[in-house]
PDB file of all heavy atoms in Angstrom:
ATOM      1  N   ASP A   1     -17.654  62.787 -18.655  1.00  0.00           N
ATOM      2  CA  ASP A   1     -16.306  62.943 -19.264  1.00  0.00           C
ATOM      3  C   ASP A   1     -16.142  61.875 -20.430  1.00  0.00           C
ATOM      4  O   ASP A   1     -15.597  62.054 -21.542  1.00  0.00           O
ATOM      5  CB  ASP A   1     -15.293  62.704 -18.275  1.00  0.00           C
ATOM      6  CG  ASP A   1     -15.331  63.661 -17.144  1.00  0.00           C
ATOM      7  OD1 ASP A   1     -16.373  63.942 -16.651  1.00  0.00           O
ATOM      8  OD2 ASP A   1     -14.180  64.226 -16.769  1.00  0.00           O
ATOM      9  N   GLU A   2     -16.566  60.586 -20.042  1.00  0.00           N
ATOM     10  CA  GLU A   2     -16.472  59.468 -20.958  1.00  0.00           C
ATOM     11  C   GLU A   2     -17.274  59.756 -22.347  1.00  0.00           C
ATOM     12  O   GLU A   2     -16.825  59.423 -23.388  1.00  0.00           O
ATOM     13  CB  GLU A   2     -17.060  58.234 -20.251  1.00  0.00           C
ATOM     14  CG  GLU A   2     -16.162  57.723 -19.154  1.00  0.00           C
ATOM     15  CD  GLU A   2     -16.888  56.660 -18.295  1.00  0.00           C
ATOM     16  OE1 GLU A   2     -18.043  56.184 -18.651  1.00  0.00           O
ATOM     17  OE2 GLU A   2     -16.128  56.076 -17.392  1.00  0.00           O
ATOM     18  N   GLU A   3     -18.488  60.369 -22.083  1.00  0.00           N
ATOM     19  CA  GLU A   3     -19.357  60.558 -23.326  1.00  0.00           C
ATOM     20  C   GLU A   3     -18.569  61.666 -24.260  1.00  0.00           C
ATOM     21  O   GLU A   3     -18.528  61.549 -25.444  1.00  0.00           O
ATOM     22  CB  GLU A   3     -20.676  61.138 -22.953  1.00  0.00           C
ATOM     23  CG  GLU A   3     -21.566  60.057 -22.413  1.00  0.00           C
ATOM     24  CD  GLU A   3     -22.869  60.471 -21.855  1.00  0.00           C
ATOM     25  OE1 GLU A   3     -22.853  61.557 -21.308  1.00  0.00           O
ATOM     26  OE2 GLU A   3     -23.855  59.715 -21.945  1.00  0.00           O
ATOM     27  N   VAL A   4     -17.970  62.691 -23.581  1.00  0.00           N
ATOM     28  CA  VAL A   4     -17.216  63.694 -24.317  1.00  0.00           C
ATOM     29  C   VAL A   4     -16.126  63.026 -25.209  1.00  0.00           C
ATOM     30  O   VAL A   4     -15.889  63.346 -26.304  1.00  0.00           O
ATOM     31  CB  VAL A   4     -16.760  64.801 -23.511  1.00  0.00           C
ATOM     32  CG1 VAL A   4     -15.749  65.783 -24.120  1.00  0.00           C
ATOM     33  CG2 VAL A   4     -17.780  65.618 -22.936  1.00  0.00           C
ATOM     34  N   SER A   5     -15.399  62.164 -24.589  1.00  0.00           N
ATOM     35  CA  SER A   5     -14.242  61.533 -25.050  1.00  0.00           C
ATOM     36  C   SER A   5     -14.769  60.596 -26.316  1.00  0.00           C
ATOM     37  O   SER A   5     -14.170  60.710 -27.332  1.00  0.00           O
ATOM     38  CB  SER A   5     -13.399  60.621 -24.113  1.00  0.00           C
ATOM     39  OG  SER A   5     -12.905  61.439 -23.146  1.00  0.00           O
ATOM     40  N   ARG A   6     -15.843  60.009 -26.147  1.00  0.00           N
ATOM     41  CA  ARG A   6     -16.410  59.175 -27.182  1.00  0.00           C
ATOM     42  C   ARG A   6     -16.844  59.936 -28.322  1.00  0.00           C
ATOM     43  O   ARG A   6     -16.676  59.688 -29.572  1.00  0.00           O
ATOM     44  CB  ARG A   6     -17.546  58.323 -26.576  1.00  0.00           C
ATOM     45  CG  ARG A   6     -17.950  57.168 -27.538  1.00  0.00           C
ATOM     46  CD  ARG A   6     -18.859  56.180 -26.911  1.00  0.00           C
ATOM     47  NE  ARG A   6     -20.182  56.681 -26.482  1.00  0.00           N
ATOM     48  CZ  ARG A   6     -20.623  56.834 -25.327  1.00  0.00           C
ATOM     49  NH1 ARG A   6     -19.877  56.555 -24.203  1.00  0.00           N
ATOM     50  NH2 ARG A   6     -21.751  57.143 -25.098  1.00  0.00           N
ATOM     51  N   LEU A   7     -17.485  61.090 -28.099  1.00  0.00           N
ATOM     52  CA  LEU A   7     -17.956  61.849 -29.162  1.00  0.00           C
ATOM     53  C   LEU A   7     -16.824  62.498 -30.010  1.00  0.00           C
ATOM     54  O   LEU A   7     -16.948  62.615 -31.154  1.00  0.00           O
ATOM     55  CB  LEU A   7     -18.846  62.992 -28.562  1.00  0.00           C
ATOM     56  CG  LEU A   7     -20.268  62.667 -28.066  1.00  0.00           C
ATOM     57  CD1 LEU A   7     -20.912  63.805 -27.425  1.00  0.00           C
ATOM     58  CD2 LEU A   7     -21.117  62.177 -29.252  1.00  0.00           C
ATOM     59  N   ILE A   8     -15.775  62.828 -29.245  1.00  0.00           N
ATOM     60  CA  ILE A   8     -14.577  63.521 -29.838  1.00  0.00           C
ATOM     61  C   ILE A   8     -13.960  62.514 -30.774  1.00  0.00           C
ATOM     62  O   ILE A   8     -13.439  62.804 -31.950  1.00  0.00           O
ATOM     63  CB  ILE A   8     -13.704  64.100 -28.903  1.00  0.00           C
ATOM     64  CG1 ILE A   8     -14.323  65.358 -28.249  1.00  0.00           C
ATOM     65  CG2 ILE A   8     -12.375  64.552 -29.480  1.00  0.00           C
ATOM     66  CD1 ILE A   8     -14.640  66.462 -29.221  1.00  0.00           C
ATOM     67  N   ASP A   9     -13.973  61.193 -30.361  1.00  0.00           N
ATOM     68  CA  ASP A   9     -13.168  60.239 -31.015  1.00  0.00           C
ATOM     69  C   ASP A   9     -13.885  59.327 -32.048  1.00  0.00           C
ATOM     70  O   ASP A   9     -13.462  58.549 -32.799  1.00  0.00           O
ATOM     71  CB  ASP A   9     -12.617  59.105 -29.935  1.00  0.00           C
ATOM     72  CG  ASP A   9     -11.536  59.783 -29.176  1.00  0.00           C
ATOM     73  OD1 ASP A   9     -10.943  60.787 -29.501  1.00  0.00           O
ATOM     74  OD2 ASP A   9     -11.213  59.327 -28.013  1.00  0.00           O
ATOM     75  N   ASP A  10     -15.186  59.760 -32.136  1.00  0.00           N
ATOM     76  CA  ASP A  10     -16.145  58.882 -33.024  1.00  0.00           C
ATOM     77  C   ASP A  10     -15.704  59.120 -34.575  1.00  0.00           C
ATOM     78  O   ASP A  10     -15.407  60.197 -35.006  1.00  0.00           O
ATOM     79  CB  ASP A  10     -17.544  59.366 -32.948  1.00  0.00           C
ATOM     80  CG  ASP A  10     -18.448  58.529 -33.664  1.00  0.00           C
ATOM     81  OD1 ASP A  10     -18.591  58.468 -34.861  1.00  0.00           O
ATOM     82  OD2 ASP A  10     -19.253  57.670 -32.869  1.00  0.00           O
ATOM     83  N   PRO A  11     -15.393  58.017 -35.123  1.00  0.00           N
ATOM     84  CA  PRO A  11     -14.853  58.044 -36.649  1.00  0.00           C
ATOM     85  C   PRO A  11     -15.856  58.751 -37.526  1.00  0.00           C
ATOM     86  O   PRO A  11     -15.464  59.131 -38.611  1.00  0.00           O
ATOM     87  CB  PRO A  11     -14.691  56.524 -36.895  1.00  0.00           C
ATOM     88  CG  PRO A  11     -15.431  55.799 -35.978  1.00  0.00           C
ATOM     89  CD  PRO A  11     -15.585  56.513 -34.711  1.00  0.00           C
ATOM     90  N   HIS A  12     -17.145  58.640 -37.307  1.00  0.00           N
ATOM     91  CA  HIS A  12     -18.199  59.263 -38.087  1.00  0.00           C
ATOM     92  C   HIS A  12     -18.364  60.670 -37.881  1.00  0.00           C
ATOM     93  O   HIS A  12     -19.108  61.329 -38.487  1.00  0.00           O
ATOM     94  CB  HIS A  12     -19.524  58.607 -37.902  1.00  0.00           C
ATOM     95  CG  HIS A  12     -19.409  57.080 -38.213  1.00  0.00           C
ATOM     96  ND1 HIS A  12     -19.335  56.182 -37.261  1.00  0.00           N
ATOM     97  CD2 HIS A  12     -19.358  56.461 -39.379  1.00  0.00           C
ATOM     98  CE1 HIS A  12     -19.340  54.975 -37.825  1.00  0.00           C
ATOM     99  NE2 HIS A  12     -19.239  55.078 -39.138  1.00  0.00           N
ATOM    100  N   MET A  13     -17.523  61.350 -37.044  1.00  0.00           N
ATOM    101  CA  MET A  13     -17.670  62.708 -36.673  1.00  0.00           C
ATOM    102  C   MET A  13     -19.021  62.887 -35.921  1.00  0.00           C
ATOM    103  O   MET A  13     -19.738  62.191 -35.874  1.00  0.00           O
ATOM    104  CB  MET A  13     -17.466  63.622 -37.857  1.00  0.00           C
ATOM    105  CG  MET A  13     -16.023  63.447 -38.562  1.00  0.00           C
ATOM    106  SD  MET A  13     -15.898  64.509 -40.001  1.00  0.00           S
ATOM    107  CE  MET A  13     -15.686  66.079 -39.179  1.00  0.00           C
ATOM    108  N   LEU A  14     -19.112  64.180 -35.491  1.00  0.00           N
ATOM    109  CA  LEU A  14     -20.439  64.565 -34.764  1.00  0.00           C
ATOM    110  C   LEU A  14     -21.593  64.462 -35.628  1.00  0.00           C
ATOM    111  O   LEU A  14     -21.511  65.214 -36.797  1.00  0.00           O
ATOM    112  CB  LEU A  14     -20.127  65.914 -34.102  1.00  0.00           C
ATOM    113  CG  LEU A  14     -19.400  65.984 -32.661  1.00  0.00           C
ATOM    114  CD1 LEU A  14     -19.238  67.336 -32.379  1.00  0.00           C
ATOM    115  CD2 LEU A  14     -20.209  65.215 -31.714  1.00  0.00           C
ATOM    116  N   ASN A  15     -22.639  63.843 -35.189  1.00  0.00           N
ATOM    117  CA  ASN A  15     -23.957  63.950 -35.915  1.00  0.00           C
ATOM    118  C   ASN A  15     -24.979  63.609 -34.834  1.00  0.00           C
ATOM    119  O   ASN A  15     -24.758  63.191 -33.791  1.00  0.00           O
ATOM    120  CB  ASN A  15     -24.036  63.048 -37.103  1.00  0.00           C
ATOM    121  CG  ASN A  15     -23.839  61.551 -36.726  1.00  0.00           C
ATOM    122  OD1 ASN A  15     -24.586  61.050 -35.944  1.00  0.00           O
ATOM    123  ND2 ASN A  15     -22.717  60.956 -37.098  1.00  0.00           N
ATOM    124  N   SER A  16     -26.222  63.928 -35.165  1.00  0.00           N
ATOM    125  CA  SER A  16     -27.424  63.678 -34.311  1.00  0.00           C
ATOM    126  C   SER A  16     -27.491  62.305 -33.818  1.00  0.00           C
ATOM    127  O   SER A  16     -27.789  62.080 -32.638  1.00  0.00           O
ATOM    128  CB  SER A  16     -28.593  64.163 -34.879  1.00  0.00           C
ATOM    129  OG  SER A  16     -29.014  63.440 -36.132  1.00  0.00           O
ATOM    130  N   ARG A  17     -27.059  61.315 -34.586  1.00  0.00           N
ATOM    131  CA  ARG A  17     -27.290  59.925 -34.230  1.00  0.00           C
ATOM    132  C   ARG A  17     -26.347  59.560 -33.041  1.00  0.00           C
ATOM    133  O   ARG A  17     -26.751  59.024 -32.015  1.00  0.00           O
ATOM    134  CB  ARG A  17     -26.878  58.987 -35.357  1.00  0.00           C
ATOM    135  CG  ARG A  17     -26.991  57.412 -35.113  1.00  0.00           C
ATOM    136  CD  ARG A  17     -28.427  57.030 -34.870  1.00  0.00           C
ATOM    137  NE  ARG A  17     -28.761  57.151 -33.485  1.00  0.00           N
ATOM    138  CZ  ARG A  17     -30.096  57.095 -33.021  1.00  0.00           C
ATOM    139  NH1 ARG A  17     -31.046  57.041 -33.855  1.00  0.00           N
ATOM    140  NH2 ARG A  17     -30.387  57.160 -31.771  1.00  0.00           N
ATOM    141  N   VAL A  18     -24.976  59.967 -33.175  1.00  0.00           N
ATOM    142  CA  VAL A  18     -24.075  59.575 -32.086  1.00  0.00           C
ATOM    143  C   VAL A  18     -24.412  60.411 -30.803  1.00  0.00           C
ATOM    144  O   VAL A  18     -24.229  59.975 -29.681  1.00  0.00           O
ATOM    145  CB  VAL A  18     -22.669  59.869 -32.554  1.00  0.00           C
ATOM    146  CG1 VAL A  18     -22.159  58.922 -33.695  1.00  0.00           C
ATOM    147  CG2 VAL A  18     -22.411  61.348 -32.880  1.00  0.00           C
ATOM    148  N   LEU A  19     -24.913  61.666 -31.025  1.00  0.00           N
ATOM    149  CA  LEU A  19     -25.327  62.485 -29.791  1.00  0.00           C
ATOM    150  C   LEU A  19     -26.500  61.751 -29.173  1.00  0.00           C
ATOM    151  O   LEU A  19     -26.564  61.783 -27.952  1.00  0.00           O
ATOM    152  CB  LEU A  19     -25.674  63.836 -30.309  1.00  0.00           C
ATOM    153  CG  LEU A  19     -26.070  64.834 -29.093  1.00  0.00           C
ATOM    154  CD1 LEU A  19     -24.657  65.134 -28.327  1.00  0.00           C
ATOM    155  CD2 LEU A  19     -26.604  66.168 -29.662  1.00  0.00           C
ATOM    156  N   MET A  20     -27.394  61.390 -29.854  1.00  0.00           N
ATOM    157  CA  MET A  20     -28.700  60.618 -29.268  1.00  0.00           C
ATOM    158  C   MET A  20     -28.435  59.307 -28.630  1.00  0.00           C
ATOM    159  O   MET A  20     -29.181  58.813 -27.957  1.00  0.00           O
ATOM    160  CB  MET A  20     -29.797  60.572 -30.243  1.00  0.00           C
ATOM    161  CG  MET A  20     -30.229  62.008 -30.855  1.00  0.00           C
ATOM    162  SD  MET A  20     -31.068  62.993 -29.473  1.00  0.00           S
ATOM    163  CE  MET A  20     -32.629  62.164 -29.283  1.00  0.00           C
ATOM    164  N   ASP A  21     -27.179  58.830 -28.912  1.00  0.00           N
ATOM    165  CA  ASP A  21     -26.755  57.528 -28.359  1.00  0.00           C
ATOM    166  C   ASP A  21     -26.146  57.639 -26.991  1.00  0.00           C
ATOM    167  O   ASP A  21     -25.743  56.662 -26.374  1.00  0.00           O
ATOM    168  CB  ASP A  21     -25.872  56.800 -29.291  1.00  0.00           C
ATOM    169  CG  ASP A  21     -26.648  56.022 -30.492  1.00  0.00           C
ATOM    170  OD1 ASP A  21     -27.848  55.905 -30.317  1.00  0.00           O
ATOM    171  OD2 ASP A  21     -26.009  55.765 -31.423  1.00  0.00           O
ATOM    172  N   THR A  22     -26.020  58.907 -26.643  1.00  0.00           N
ATOM    173  CA  THR A  22     -25.374  59.235 -25.284  1.00  0.00           C
ATOM    174  C   THR A  22     -26.646  59.303 -24.230  1.00  0.00           C
ATOM    175  O   THR A  22     -27.693  59.246 -24.651  1.00  0.00           O
ATOM    176  CB  THR A  22     -24.700  60.456 -25.232  1.00  0.00           C
ATOM    177  OG1 THR A  22     -25.613  61.539 -25.443  1.00  0.00           O
ATOM    178  CG2 THR A  22     -23.567  60.456 -26.276  1.00  0.00           C
ATOM    179  N   GLY A  23     -26.352  59.422 -22.964  1.00  0.00           N
ATOM    180  CA  GLY A  23     -27.394  59.552 -21.998  1.00  0.00           C
ATOM    181  C   GLY A  23     -28.200  60.918 -22.284  1.00  0.00           C
ATOM    182  O   GLY A  23     -29.321  60.953 -21.867  1.00  0.00           O
ATOM    183  N   LEU A  24     -27.625  61.832 -22.898  1.00  0.00           N
ATOM    184  CA  LEU A  24     -28.289  63.018 -23.227  1.00  0.00           C
ATOM    185  C   LEU A  24     -29.420  62.870 -24.182  1.00  0.00           C
ATOM    186  O   LEU A  24     -30.432  63.553 -24.077  1.00  0.00           O
ATOM    187  CB  LEU A  24     -27.279  64.059 -23.869  1.00  0.00           C
ATOM    188  CG  LEU A  24     -27.691  65.413 -24.145  1.00  0.00           C
ATOM    189  CD1 LEU A  24     -27.989  66.170 -22.929  1.00  0.00           C
ATOM    190  CD2 LEU A  24     -26.545  66.144 -24.958  1.00  0.00           C
ATOM    191  N   GLY A  25     -29.331  61.848 -24.978  1.00  0.00           N
ATOM    192  CA  GLY A  25     -30.342  61.496 -25.893  1.00  0.00           C
ATOM    193  C   GLY A  25     -31.603  61.162 -25.174  1.00  0.00           C
ATOM    194  O   GLY A  25     -32.760  61.469 -25.624  1.00  0.00           O
ATOM    195  N   GLU A  26     -31.517  60.290 -24.115  1.00  0.00           N
ATOM    196  CA  GLU A  26     -32.758  59.935 -23.320  1.00  0.00           C
ATOM    197  C   GLU A  26     -33.458  61.193 -22.707  1.00  0.00           C
ATOM    198  O   GLU A  26     -34.687  61.301 -22.742  1.00  0.00           O
ATOM    199  CB  GLU A  26     -32.423  59.002 -22.253  1.00  0.00           C
ATOM    200  CG  GLU A  26     -33.569  58.505 -21.391  1.00  0.00           C
ATOM    201  CD  GLU A  26     -33.078  57.559 -20.311  1.00  0.00           C
ATOM    202  OE1 GLU A  26     -32.032  56.979 -20.361  1.00  0.00           O
ATOM    203  OE2 GLU A  26     -33.897  57.559 -19.317  1.00  0.00           O
ATOM    204  N   ILE A  27     -32.725  62.290 -22.324  1.00  0.00           N
ATOM    205  CA  ILE A  27     -33.267  63.358 -21.811  1.00  0.00           C
ATOM    206  C   ILE A  27     -33.893  64.102 -22.795  1.00  0.00           C
ATOM    207  O   ILE A  27     -35.012  64.743 -22.673  1.00  0.00           O
ATOM    208  CB  ILE A  27     -32.252  64.263 -21.101  1.00  0.00           C
ATOM    209  CG1 ILE A  27     -31.654  63.455 -19.796  1.00  0.00           C
ATOM    210  CG2 ILE A  27     -32.702  65.585 -20.699  1.00  0.00           C
ATOM    211  CD1 ILE A  27     -30.457  64.139 -19.138  1.00  0.00           C
ATOM    212  N   ILE A  28     -33.296  64.356 -23.986  1.00  0.00           N
ATOM    213  CA  ILE A  28     -33.977  64.985 -25.049  1.00  0.00           C
ATOM    214  C   ILE A  28     -35.215  64.431 -25.616  1.00  0.00           C
ATOM    215  O   ILE A  28     -36.309  65.024 -25.856  1.00  0.00           O
ATOM    216  CB  ILE A  28     -32.917  65.116 -26.327  1.00  0.00           C
ATOM    217  CG1 ILE A  28     -31.623  66.030 -25.886  1.00  0.00           C
ATOM    218  CG2 ILE A  28     -33.629  65.656 -27.551  1.00  0.00           C
ATOM    219  CD1 ILE A  28     -30.593  65.975 -26.913  1.00  0.00           C
ATOM    220  N   ARG A  29     -35.239  63.045 -25.633  1.00  0.00           N
ATOM    221  CA  ARG A  29     -36.461  62.261 -26.271  1.00  0.00           C
ATOM    222  C   ARG A  29     -37.531  62.491 -25.213  1.00  0.00           C
ATOM    223  O   ARG A  29     -38.713  62.503 -25.701  1.00  0.00           O
ATOM    224  CB  ARG A  29     -36.060  60.820 -26.311  1.00  0.00           C
ATOM    225  CG  ARG A  29     -35.295  60.507 -27.559  1.00  0.00           C
ATOM    226  CD  ARG A  29     -35.106  58.991 -27.749  1.00  0.00           C
ATOM    227  NE  ARG A  29     -33.888  58.674 -28.376  1.00  0.00           N
ATOM    228  CZ  ARG A  29     -32.767  58.168 -27.855  1.00  0.00           C
ATOM    229  NH1 ARG A  29     -32.763  58.184 -26.548  1.00  0.00           N
ATOM    230  NH2 ARG A  29     -31.659  57.958 -28.679  1.00  0.00           N
ATOM    231  N   ASN A  30     -37.265  62.368 -23.902  1.00  0.00           N
ATOM    232  CA  ASN A  30     -38.416  62.210 -23.014  1.00  0.00           C
ATOM    233  C   ASN A  30     -38.862  63.567 -22.202  1.00  0.00           C
ATOM    234  O   ASN A  30     -39.639  63.490 -21.364  1.00  0.00           O
ATOM    235  CB  ASN A  30     -37.904  61.239 -21.887  1.00  0.00           C
ATOM    236  CG  ASN A  30     -37.741  59.789 -22.504  1.00  0.00           C
ATOM    237  OD1 ASN A  30     -38.500  59.463 -23.401  1.00  0.00           O
ATOM    238  ND2 ASN A  30     -36.743  59.130 -21.961  1.00  0.00           N
ATOM    239  N   THR A  31     -38.170  64.667 -22.696  1.00  0.00           N
ATOM    240  CA  THR A  31     -38.492  65.911 -21.886  1.00  0.00           C
ATOM    241  C   THR A  31     -39.056  66.860 -22.945  1.00  0.00           C
ATOM    242  O   THR A  31     -38.450  67.104 -24.100  1.00  0.00           O
ATOM    243  CB  THR A  31     -37.215  66.562 -21.177  1.00  0.00           C
ATOM    244  OG1 THR A  31     -36.581  65.558 -20.568  1.00  0.00           O
ATOM    245  CG2 THR A  31     -37.802  67.648 -20.321  1.00  0.00           C
ATOM    246  N   ASP A  32     -40.068  67.518 -22.598  1.00  0.00           N
ATOM    247  CA  ASP A  32     -40.684  68.539 -23.553  1.00  0.00           C
ATOM    248  C   ASP A  32     -39.717  69.555 -23.973  1.00  0.00           C
ATOM    249  O   ASP A  32     -38.934  70.089 -23.223  1.00  0.00           O
ATOM    250  CB  ASP A  32     -41.924  69.133 -22.830  1.00  0.00           C
ATOM    251  CG  ASP A  32     -42.457  70.242 -23.722  1.00  0.00           C
ATOM    252  OD1 ASP A  32     -43.351  69.743 -24.600  1.00  0.00           O
ATOM    253  OD2 ASP A  32     -42.307  71.368 -23.506  1.00  0.00           O
ATOM    254  N   ARG A  33     -39.710  69.871 -25.262  1.00  0.00           N
ATOM    255  CA  ARG A  33     -38.547  70.714 -25.855  1.00  0.00           C
ATOM    256  C   ARG A  33     -38.717  72.114 -25.308  1.00  0.00           C
ATOM    257  O   ARG A  33     -37.720  72.718 -24.866  1.00  0.00           O
ATOM    258  CB  ARG A  33     -38.606  70.760 -27.303  1.00  0.00           C
ATOM    259  CG  ARG A  33     -37.589  71.556 -28.048  1.00  0.00           C
ATOM    260  CD  ARG A  33     -37.608  71.478 -29.520  1.00  0.00           C
ATOM    261  NE  ARG A  33     -36.628  72.177 -30.263  1.00  0.00           N
ATOM    262  CZ  ARG A  33     -36.524  73.456 -30.415  1.00  0.00           C
ATOM    263  NH1 ARG A  33     -37.551  74.227 -30.010  1.00  0.00           N
ATOM    264  NH2 ARG A  33     -35.459  73.957 -31.008  1.00  0.00           N
ATOM    265  N   GLU A  34     -39.949  72.595 -25.131  1.00  0.00           N
ATOM    266  CA  GLU A  34     -40.228  73.937 -24.624  1.00  0.00           C
ATOM    267  C   GLU A  34     -39.682  74.044 -23.139  1.00  0.00           C
ATOM    268  O   GLU A  34     -39.131  75.110 -22.757  1.00  0.00           O
ATOM    269  CB  GLU A  34     -41.552  74.338 -24.676  1.00  0.00           C
ATOM    270  CG  GLU A  34     -42.164  74.675 -26.064  1.00  0.00           C
ATOM    271  CD  GLU A  34     -43.529  75.219 -26.179  1.00  0.00           C
ATOM    272  OE1 GLU A  34     -44.086  75.430 -24.999  1.00  0.00           O
ATOM    273  OE2 GLU A  34     -44.173  75.282 -27.158  1.00  0.00           O
ATOM    274  N   HIS A  35     -39.883  72.928 -22.388  1.00  0.00           N
ATOM    275  CA  HIS A  35     -39.415  73.006 -21.121  1.00  0.00           C
ATOM    276  C   HIS A  35     -37.957  72.998 -21.056  1.00  0.00           C
ATOM    277  O   HIS A  35     -37.317  73.811 -20.207  1.00  0.00           O
ATOM    278  CB  HIS A  35     -39.914  71.602 -20.386  1.00  0.00           C
ATOM    279  CG  HIS A  35     -39.421  71.367 -19.017  1.00  0.00           C
ATOM    280  ND1 HIS A  35     -40.028  72.136 -17.885  1.00  0.00           N
ATOM    281  CD2 HIS A  35     -38.381  70.769 -18.329  1.00  0.00           C
ATOM    282  CE1 HIS A  35     -39.329  71.868 -16.708  1.00  0.00           C
ATOM    283  NE2 HIS A  35     -38.256  70.948 -17.031  1.00  0.00           N
ATOM    284  N   LEU A  36     -37.182  72.220 -21.836  1.00  0.00           N
ATOM    285  CA  LEU A  36     -35.835  72.132 -21.921  1.00  0.00           C
ATOM    286  C   LEU A  36     -35.158  73.595 -22.122  1.00  0.00           C
ATOM    287  O   LEU A  36     -34.214  74.052 -21.565  1.00  0.00           O
ATOM    288  CB  LEU A  36     -35.201  71.164 -22.938  1.00  0.00           C
ATOM    289  CG  LEU A  36     -35.376  69.761 -22.573  1.00  0.00           C
ATOM    290  CD1 LEU A  36     -34.834  68.857 -23.734  1.00  0.00           C
ATOM    291  CD2 LEU A  36     -34.474  69.389 -21.223  1.00  0.00           C
ATOM    292  N   PHE A  37     -35.863  74.265 -23.149  1.00  0.00           N
ATOM    293  CA  PHE A  37     -35.324  75.615 -23.564  1.00  0.00           C
ATOM    294  C   PHE A  37     -35.709  76.631 -22.495  1.00  0.00           C
ATOM    295  O   PHE A  37     -35.124  77.796 -22.584  1.00  0.00           O
ATOM    296  CB  PHE A  37     -35.717  75.941 -25.000  1.00  0.00           C
ATOM    297  CG  PHE A  37     -34.816  75.235 -26.070  1.00  0.00           C
ATOM    298  CD1 PHE A  37     -35.034  74.071 -26.403  1.00  0.00           C
ATOM    299  CD2 PHE A  37     -33.860  75.956 -26.523  1.00  0.00           C
ATOM    300  CE1 PHE A  37     -34.115  73.412 -27.496  1.00  0.00           C
ATOM    301  CE2 PHE A  37     -33.017  75.554 -27.474  1.00  0.00           C
ATOM    302  CZ  PHE A  37     -33.176  74.143 -27.945  1.00  0.00           C
TER     303      PHE A  37
END
C-alpha cells in the first residue's frame, strides 16, 4: 500500500526508475524474465 501511495504521489510521475526503486525492482532484477512471465 505504501509503495502504491508513493508511486502515485511521485512528483516526477511514473517511470521505470521510480518503479525499480520499490521492492518490486529487486524481484525484477533478480528473477529470470521468462520465469516471471
